Protein backbone atom coordinates (compact mmCIF):
# COMPACT_ATOMS: atom_id res chain seq x y z
CA MET A 1 9.31 14.87 -17.19
CA GLY A 2 7.26 12.08 -15.65
CA ILE A 3 4.84 9.94 -17.62
CA LEU A 4 1.88 11.72 -15.93
CA SER A 5 3.32 15.21 -16.31
CA GLY A 6 0.54 17.66 -17.15
CA TYR A 7 -2.18 15.89 -15.15
CA ARG A 8 -3.60 17.56 -12.04
CA VAL A 9 -4.77 15.42 -9.09
CA LEU A 10 -6.79 16.79 -6.18
CA ASP A 11 -6.05 14.49 -3.25
CA CYS A 12 -8.70 14.87 -0.55
CA SER A 13 -7.87 11.54 1.09
CA ILE A 14 -6.50 10.76 4.56
CA ALA A 15 -4.69 7.95 6.40
CA MET A 16 -2.92 5.43 4.11
CA ALA A 17 -4.79 3.92 1.15
CA GLY A 18 -5.79 7.19 -0.52
CA PRO A 19 -2.59 9.16 0.13
CA PHE A 20 -0.47 6.18 -0.99
CA ALA A 21 -2.40 5.94 -4.28
CA ALA A 22 -2.05 9.69 -4.85
CA GLN A 23 1.66 9.55 -4.06
CA ARG A 24 2.10 6.92 -6.76
CA LEU A 25 0.53 9.32 -9.26
CA GLY A 26 2.84 12.07 -8.06
CA ASP A 27 5.87 9.81 -8.39
CA LEU A 28 5.01 9.51 -12.09
CA GLY A 29 4.93 13.27 -12.56
CA ALA A 30 1.32 14.26 -11.87
CA ASP A 31 0.80 17.58 -10.07
CA VAL A 32 -0.82 16.30 -6.88
CA VAL A 33 -2.45 18.96 -4.72
CA LYS A 34 -3.18 17.63 -1.25
CA VAL A 35 -6.33 19.38 -0.10
CA GLU A 36 -6.33 19.28 3.69
CA PRO A 37 -7.81 21.16 6.66
CA ILE A 38 -6.24 24.41 7.82
CA THR A 39 -4.29 22.61 10.56
CA GLY A 40 -3.37 19.74 8.24
CA GLU A 41 -4.51 16.15 7.87
CA TRP A 42 -4.85 14.38 11.24
CA GLN A 43 -2.09 11.90 10.38
CA ARG A 44 0.43 14.74 10.43
CA HIS A 45 -0.03 14.82 14.19
CA THR A 46 -0.23 11.12 15.12
CA ALA A 47 2.93 9.14 15.88
CA ALA A 48 3.66 6.15 13.64
CA GLY A 49 5.12 3.22 15.55
CA GLY A 50 5.99 5.63 18.35
CA ALA A 51 8.17 7.70 15.98
CA ARG A 52 7.48 11.41 15.81
CA GLY A 53 9.08 13.90 13.46
CA ASN A 54 10.11 17.44 14.26
CA LYS A 55 7.01 18.86 12.58
CA VAL A 56 5.80 16.17 10.17
CA ASN A 57 4.89 12.71 11.47
CA VAL A 58 6.91 9.88 9.92
CA SER A 59 3.83 8.11 8.54
CA PHE A 60 2.61 11.27 6.82
CA LEU A 61 6.10 11.90 5.49
CA SER A 62 6.21 8.46 3.88
CA LEU A 63 2.86 8.78 2.09
CA ASN A 64 2.82 12.35 0.82
CA ARG A 65 5.97 13.13 -1.16
CA ASN A 66 5.65 14.73 -4.59
CA LYS A 67 2.59 16.71 -3.48
CA ARG A 68 1.76 20.33 -2.89
CA SER A 69 -0.47 21.28 0.03
CA LEU A 70 -3.54 23.51 -0.14
CA ALA A 71 -4.98 24.08 3.33
CA VAL A 72 -8.66 24.96 3.06
CA ASP A 73 -11.77 24.84 5.24
CA LEU A 74 -14.37 23.01 3.15
CA LYS A 75 -17.10 23.92 5.63
CA ALA A 76 -16.53 27.61 4.93
CA PRO A 77 -18.39 28.82 1.81
CA ASP A 78 -15.26 30.52 0.47
CA GLY A 79 -13.18 27.41 1.13
CA LYS A 80 -15.60 25.14 -0.70
CA ALA A 81 -15.75 27.61 -3.57
CA VAL A 82 -11.96 27.39 -3.92
CA LEU A 83 -12.11 23.61 -4.26
CA LEU A 84 -14.91 23.78 -6.82
CA ASP A 85 -12.85 26.25 -8.84
CA LEU A 86 -9.93 23.82 -8.85
CA VAL A 87 -12.17 20.97 -9.98
CA LYS A 88 -12.86 22.84 -13.24
CA THR A 89 -9.35 22.13 -14.52
CA ALA A 90 -8.47 18.99 -12.54
CA ASP A 91 -7.99 15.57 -14.12
CA VAL A 92 -8.43 13.39 -11.03
CA PHE A 93 -10.28 13.86 -7.75
CA LEU A 94 -9.42 11.28 -5.07
CA GLN A 95 -11.23 10.86 -1.75
CA ASN A 96 -11.72 8.20 0.92
CA TYR A 97 -14.43 9.83 3.01
CA ARG A 98 -16.86 7.56 4.77
CA PRO A 99 -19.87 6.86 2.52
CA GLY A 100 -22.23 9.84 2.54
CA VAL A 101 -19.67 12.42 3.69
CA ALA A 102 -18.77 13.59 0.17
CA LYS A 103 -22.46 14.20 -0.54
CA ARG A 104 -22.87 16.23 2.65
CA LEU A 105 -19.81 18.30 1.77
CA GLY A 106 -21.08 18.87 -1.77
CA VAL A 107 -18.06 17.17 -3.38
CA ASP A 108 -19.72 13.95 -4.54
CA TYR A 109 -19.29 12.58 -8.05
CA GLU A 110 -22.59 13.91 -9.38
CA THR A 111 -21.78 17.44 -8.26
CA LEU A 112 -18.18 17.51 -9.46
CA SER A 113 -18.80 15.73 -12.78
CA ALA A 114 -21.42 18.36 -13.58
CA ILE A 115 -18.69 20.99 -13.16
CA ASN A 116 -16.10 18.95 -15.10
CA PRO A 117 -17.46 16.04 -17.18
CA LYS A 118 -13.91 14.89 -17.99
CA LEU A 119 -13.05 14.40 -14.31
CA ILE A 120 -11.84 11.00 -13.08
CA TYR A 121 -13.41 10.70 -9.63
CA ALA A 122 -11.83 7.97 -7.47
CA SER A 123 -13.69 6.97 -4.31
CA ILE A 124 -12.09 4.59 -1.80
CA SER A 125 -14.16 2.96 0.95
CA GLY A 126 -13.91 0.13 3.45
CA TYR A 127 -16.70 -2.10 2.17
CA GLY A 128 -18.36 -0.32 -0.75
CA GLU A 129 -20.62 2.68 -1.22
CA ASP A 130 -23.68 0.85 0.12
CA GLY A 131 -24.68 -2.49 1.64
CA PRO A 132 -24.94 -3.93 5.16
CA TYR A 133 -21.42 -2.92 6.23
CA VAL A 134 -21.44 0.56 4.73
CA ASN A 135 -21.03 2.26 8.11
CA ASN A 136 -18.51 -0.19 9.57
CA PRO A 137 -14.95 1.07 10.20
CA GLY A 138 -12.65 0.20 7.30
CA GLN A 139 -9.49 -0.49 9.29
CA ASP A 140 -6.67 -2.66 7.93
CA LEU A 141 -6.54 -5.36 10.61
CA ILE A 142 -10.33 -5.68 10.70
CA LEU A 143 -10.32 -6.28 6.95
CA GLN A 144 -7.43 -8.75 7.26
CA GLY A 145 -9.57 -10.70 9.71
CA MET A 146 -12.55 -10.73 7.36
CA SER A 147 -10.45 -11.70 4.33
CA GLY A 148 -9.84 -15.28 5.45
CA ALA A 149 -6.11 -14.89 4.85
CA MET A 150 -5.21 -15.07 8.54
CA LEU A 151 -6.29 -18.71 8.61
CA SER A 152 -4.12 -19.68 5.65
CA ALA A 153 -0.94 -19.79 7.77
CA GLY A 154 0.15 -20.95 11.21
CA ARG A 155 -0.88 -23.78 13.50
CA ALA A 156 -4.39 -25.14 13.99
CA GLY A 157 -5.78 -24.08 17.34
CA GLU A 158 -3.43 -21.11 17.68
CA PRO A 159 -4.40 -17.46 17.10
CA PRO A 160 -4.79 -16.26 13.50
CA THR A 161 -1.66 -14.88 11.82
CA PRO A 162 -1.86 -11.20 10.75
CA ALA A 163 0.40 -9.73 8.08
CA GLY A 164 3.42 -7.80 9.33
CA GLN A 165 2.41 -4.67 7.40
CA PHE A 166 -0.75 -2.70 6.59
CA LEU A 167 -1.46 -5.16 3.81
CA VAL A 168 -5.07 -4.24 3.04
CA ASP A 169 -4.31 -0.52 2.90
CA ALA A 170 -1.39 -1.12 0.55
CA VAL A 171 -3.33 -3.45 -1.77
CA THR A 172 -6.23 -0.99 -1.84
CA ALA A 173 -3.85 1.85 -2.72
CA TYR A 174 -2.42 -0.07 -5.64
CA THR A 175 -5.91 -1.03 -6.80
CA ALA A 176 -6.98 2.63 -6.77
CA PHE A 177 -3.78 3.64 -8.55
CA GLU A 178 -4.48 1.08 -11.31
CA GLY A 179 -8.11 2.19 -11.54
CA VAL A 180 -7.18 5.84 -12.03
CA LEU A 181 -4.63 4.98 -14.72
CA ALA A 182 -7.16 2.84 -16.58
CA ALA A 183 -9.78 5.59 -16.38
CA LEU A 184 -7.29 8.15 -17.68
CA LEU A 185 -6.53 5.85 -20.62
CA HIS A 186 -10.25 5.56 -21.35
CA ARG A 187 -10.56 9.35 -21.21
CA GLU A 188 -7.68 9.77 -23.64
CA ARG A 189 -9.53 7.54 -26.09
CA THR A 190 -13.06 8.88 -25.59
CA GLY A 191 -12.90 12.22 -23.77
CA GLU A 192 -15.13 10.83 -21.02
CA GLY A 193 -14.52 11.12 -17.30
CA GLN A 194 -16.00 8.57 -14.92
CA LEU A 195 -16.44 7.37 -11.35
CA VAL A 196 -13.88 4.83 -10.11
CA GLN A 197 -14.91 3.00 -6.93
CA VAL A 198 -12.50 0.85 -4.91
CA ASN A 199 -13.14 -0.81 -1.57
CA MET A 200 -10.79 -2.54 0.83
CA LEU A 201 -12.84 -5.72 1.23
CA ASP A 202 -12.91 -6.46 -2.49
CA ALA A 203 -9.24 -5.51 -2.91
CA ILE A 204 -7.96 -7.99 -0.30
CA THR A 205 -10.41 -10.68 -1.41
CA THR A 206 -9.44 -10.54 -5.08
CA LEU A 207 -5.75 -10.55 -4.13
CA GLN A 208 -6.30 -14.16 -3.03
CA MET A 209 -7.17 -15.29 -6.54
CA GLN A 210 -5.39 -18.65 -6.30
CA GLU A 211 -6.25 -19.52 -2.72
CA LEU A 212 -9.96 -18.80 -2.99
CA SER A 213 -10.20 -20.64 -6.31
CA VAL A 214 -8.63 -23.72 -4.74
CA PHE A 215 -11.50 -23.54 -2.25
CA THR A 216 -14.38 -22.51 -4.52
CA VAL A 217 -13.42 -24.51 -7.63
CA GLY A 218 -11.17 -27.24 -6.31
CA GLY A 219 -13.23 -27.89 -3.19
CA LYS A 220 -10.18 -28.09 -0.93
CA PRO A 221 -10.84 -26.89 2.63
CA GLN A 222 -8.67 -24.22 4.19
CA ALA A 223 -7.09 -26.36 6.91
CA ARG A 224 -4.25 -25.39 9.23
CA SER A 225 -2.43 -28.32 10.83
CA ALA A 226 -0.24 -28.95 13.87
CA GLU A 227 2.92 -27.27 12.55
CA PRO A 228 3.18 -23.56 11.61
CA HIS A 229 3.06 -23.92 7.82
CA ALA A 230 3.34 -20.63 5.97
CA HIS A 231 0.38 -21.44 3.71
CA SER A 232 -2.39 -23.99 4.09
CA TYR A 233 -2.46 -24.69 0.33
CA ILE A 234 1.29 -25.23 -0.20
CA ARG A 235 2.95 -28.61 0.34
CA SER A 236 5.51 -29.23 3.08
CA PRO A 237 8.09 -28.06 3.97
CA TYR A 238 7.01 -24.46 3.57
CA GLY A 239 7.69 -21.88 6.25
CA ALA A 240 10.17 -20.11 8.49
CA PHE A 241 12.60 -22.33 10.40
CA ALA A 242 15.07 -21.61 13.19
CA THR A 243 18.75 -22.14 12.44
CA ALA A 244 21.76 -22.14 14.75
CA ASP A 245 21.91 -18.33 14.61
CA GLY A 246 18.58 -17.03 13.32
CA TYR A 247 15.77 -17.96 10.95
CA MET A 248 15.40 -18.88 7.30
CA ILE A 249 12.74 -19.69 4.74
CA VAL A 250 12.41 -23.04 2.95
CA ALA A 251 9.93 -23.21 0.05
CA PHE A 252 8.57 -26.64 -1.02
CA PRO A 253 11.78 -28.29 -2.28
CA SER A 254 12.02 -31.69 -3.94
CA LEU A 255 12.10 -33.99 -0.90
CA LYS A 256 14.73 -36.35 -2.26
CA ASN A 257 17.10 -33.53 -3.09
CA PHE A 258 16.32 -31.69 0.13
CA GLY A 259 16.71 -34.82 2.25
CA GLN A 260 20.16 -35.45 0.84
CA VAL A 261 21.32 -31.93 1.70
CA ILE A 262 20.00 -31.85 5.27
CA GLY A 263 20.75 -35.51 6.02
CA GLU A 264 17.17 -36.70 6.51
CA PRO A 265 16.91 -40.26 5.08
CA SER A 266 13.14 -40.51 5.53
CA PHE A 267 12.64 -37.88 2.81
CA LEU A 268 14.52 -39.86 0.14
CA THR A 269 11.68 -42.25 -0.67
CA MET A 270 8.75 -39.81 -0.26
CA ASN A 271 6.63 -38.63 -3.19
CA ASP A 272 6.51 -34.86 -3.68
CA GLU A 273 2.91 -34.76 -4.86
CA THR A 274 1.29 -37.06 -2.32
CA ASP A 275 3.45 -37.60 0.75
CA THR A 276 4.13 -33.88 1.21
CA TRP A 277 0.42 -33.50 2.01
CA LYS A 278 -0.13 -36.82 3.78
CA PHE A 279 2.83 -36.31 6.13
CA ARG A 280 2.82 -32.53 6.13
CA ASP A 281 3.41 -32.05 9.86
CA GLU A 282 6.00 -34.82 10.15
CA ILE A 283 8.03 -33.35 7.28
CA PHE A 284 7.87 -29.90 8.84
CA ALA A 285 8.97 -31.18 12.27
CA ARG A 286 11.90 -33.17 10.89
CA THR A 287 13.00 -30.19 8.80
CA ARG A 288 12.86 -28.01 11.89
CA GLU A 289 15.13 -30.33 13.86
CA ARG A 290 17.70 -30.63 11.07
CA LEU A 291 17.96 -26.91 10.33
CA LYS A 292 18.87 -26.11 13.93
CA LEU A 293 22.25 -27.76 13.37
CA LYS A 294 23.84 -25.12 11.10
CA THR A 295 23.81 -21.34 10.70
CA THR A 296 21.63 -19.59 8.16
CA ALA A 297 24.65 -18.74 6.00
CA GLU A 298 25.86 -22.34 6.04
CA TRP A 299 22.47 -23.68 4.98
CA LEU A 300 22.02 -21.05 2.29
CA ALA A 301 25.35 -21.94 0.72
CA LEU A 302 24.41 -25.64 0.68
CA PHE A 303 20.90 -25.01 -0.64
CA ARG A 304 22.02 -22.71 -3.43
CA ALA A 305 24.52 -25.28 -4.60
CA ALA A 306 21.78 -27.93 -4.62
CA ASP A 307 19.09 -25.69 -6.21
CA VAL A 308 16.88 -25.78 -3.10
CA TRP A 309 14.61 -22.73 -2.81
CA ALA A 310 15.52 -20.97 0.41
CA GLY A 311 16.34 -17.53 1.76
CA PRO A 312 17.09 -15.55 4.91
CA VAL A 313 14.56 -14.01 7.28
CA TYR A 314 15.42 -10.31 7.48
CA GLY A 315 14.63 -7.61 9.92
CA TYR A 316 14.45 -4.05 8.61
CA ALA A 317 18.07 -3.41 9.59
CA ASP A 318 19.11 -6.29 7.30
CA LEU A 319 16.76 -5.31 4.49
CA VAL A 320 18.02 -1.75 4.03
CA GLU A 321 21.62 -3.02 3.77
CA ASP A 322 20.86 -5.84 1.34
CA ALA A 323 23.04 -5.79 -1.79
CA GLN A 324 20.12 -6.25 -4.21
CA ILE A 325 18.09 -3.53 -2.51
CA LYS A 326 21.02 -1.15 -2.92
CA HIS A 327 21.59 -2.23 -6.51
CA ASN A 328 17.92 -1.67 -7.37
CA GLY A 329 17.80 1.76 -5.73
CA THR A 330 14.70 0.63 -3.86
CA PHE A 331 14.90 3.48 -1.37
CA VAL A 332 14.92 7.17 -2.25
CA GLU A 333 16.69 9.82 -0.19
CA TYR A 334 16.20 13.58 0.03
CA ASP A 335 16.44 16.49 2.45
CA HIS A 336 13.29 17.89 4.07
CA PRO A 337 13.09 21.41 5.50
CA THR A 338 11.88 20.31 8.95
CA GLU A 339 12.68 16.58 9.14
CA GLY A 340 16.22 16.62 7.79
CA HIS A 341 17.53 13.70 5.75
CA VAL A 342 14.78 11.30 4.68
CA LYS A 343 15.25 7.75 3.43
CA THR A 344 12.07 5.98 2.39
CA PRO A 345 10.83 3.32 -0.08
CA GLY A 346 10.55 4.69 -3.59
CA PHE A 347 8.48 3.86 -6.68
CA PRO A 348 8.81 0.21 -7.79
CA ILE A 349 8.12 0.49 -11.53
CA ARG A 350 10.93 1.39 -13.93
CA PHE A 351 10.18 3.31 -17.13
CA SER A 352 12.93 3.64 -19.71
CA LYS A 353 11.84 7.04 -21.01
CA THR A 354 9.76 8.56 -18.21
CA PRO A 355 11.29 7.50 -14.88
CA SER A 356 9.72 8.41 -11.56
CA ARG A 357 11.51 11.00 -9.45
CA VAL A 358 11.20 12.85 -6.17
CA GLU A 359 10.48 16.47 -7.02
CA ARG A 360 9.58 17.43 -3.46
CA GLY A 361 9.15 15.80 -0.06
CA ALA A 362 5.94 15.77 1.97
CA PRO A 363 4.63 19.35 2.18
CA LEU A 364 3.86 21.41 5.23
CA ALA A 365 0.14 22.07 5.68
CA GLY A 366 -0.86 24.84 3.28
CA GLU A 367 2.73 25.30 2.08
CA HIS A 368 1.57 25.76 -1.51
CA SER A 369 -1.83 27.42 -0.97
CA ARG A 370 -0.75 30.73 -2.49
CA ASP A 371 0.76 29.07 -5.57
CA VAL A 372 -2.22 26.81 -6.20
CA LEU A 373 -4.70 29.68 -5.90
CA ALA A 374 -2.64 31.92 -8.16
CA GLU A 375 -2.56 29.18 -10.81
CA ALA A 376 -6.34 28.90 -10.51
CA GLY A 377 -6.70 32.59 -11.41
CA TYR A 378 -7.03 34.23 -7.99
CA ASP A 379 -5.29 37.60 -7.78
CA ALA A 380 -3.02 38.57 -4.91
CA ALA A 381 -5.67 40.63 -3.11
CA GLU A 382 -8.24 37.80 -3.19
CA ILE A 383 -5.66 35.28 -1.96
CA GLU A 384 -4.79 37.50 1.00
CA ARG A 385 -8.51 37.96 1.75
CA LEU A 386 -9.05 34.19 1.84
CA LEU A 387 -6.03 33.73 4.11
CA ALA A 388 -7.20 36.49 6.45
CA SER A 389 -10.72 35.02 6.66
CA GLY A 390 -9.43 31.58 7.66
CA ALA A 391 -11.06 29.84 4.70
CA VAL A 392 -7.58 29.05 3.39
CA GLY A 393 -4.37 28.43 5.36
CA ALA A 394 -0.71 28.69 4.45
CA GLY A 395 2.50 27.35 5.89
CA GLN A 396 1.39 25.37 8.94
């Protein structure tokens, strides 16, 4: 049994941040019921990176394992009534509607907490529940741009450097996941439910705890320079460098030690704490020229022997075959009824007594509607009536 076994989560979220947070709860054993429209959440039907599944889109597949699906029309009186019935015995309600939508649908915190005062109600938004940006689109890249992080790496005068993943969505998902767990702990101690609000702008801003404090407390400007440093607040050399056969990372080594390994005499008399900032671009450029002379494997062997912090630059094909990744069991694999064999990143936290597990893959839309309604006390005749009316769907 998982550590959250016995808890019921109603996941009314879409896209990435909400579903990812709910999936984390499901990985730990919670019974996550994905409440979606009759035809399924929109992301079921939108290709991710150009990849389409047989029936379930790859992106949806990756964010919705360990869930059951209840397909229901919340605009139909009977459909809304079904959801409100489920709220009576739920532990967590998770949504990422645009601000104001939950109120219009009649599933806002005030309404649902009146039905179930012990409910943990998690609301995810782009910028907060109110304020000047409340109606702005909360999209990952837009929030990356606002966060300031894009100007902490790369060359001055060149375009900002985005993250190579949906960073803001992922950070927001983890923030919501932590918030729900903390609220559940509070409820265990006091019996009280509460509203948990998470927004993408705050999540990505607070992630930069060190960088922003260097600016706000230390007074150091965020300044990119002529070479493509990986971080404006880390001393040189720090970044990705071309080798004879690929790329590798070098992370702020001792210059004297580093200079001896790569054969750069100018580094031998430099001071790590002052010259690495004063001559940041020169150090980067000289490192770049030296590292072109050997392969990545050759440099890594030399650097490991000399205790220089360095590593390879992987593509996904390299990552999935990495020995440590395999040792850790980072990816989980299972068979899906429509998509075949699935290999996808798993849950990153290890528990000695209550490990995470994959109980089921991403559900088909409404696949579990009958089961969920039966558990909520609906008899067979009423379930069939709801299905016939279109207020509830099954098996899309």
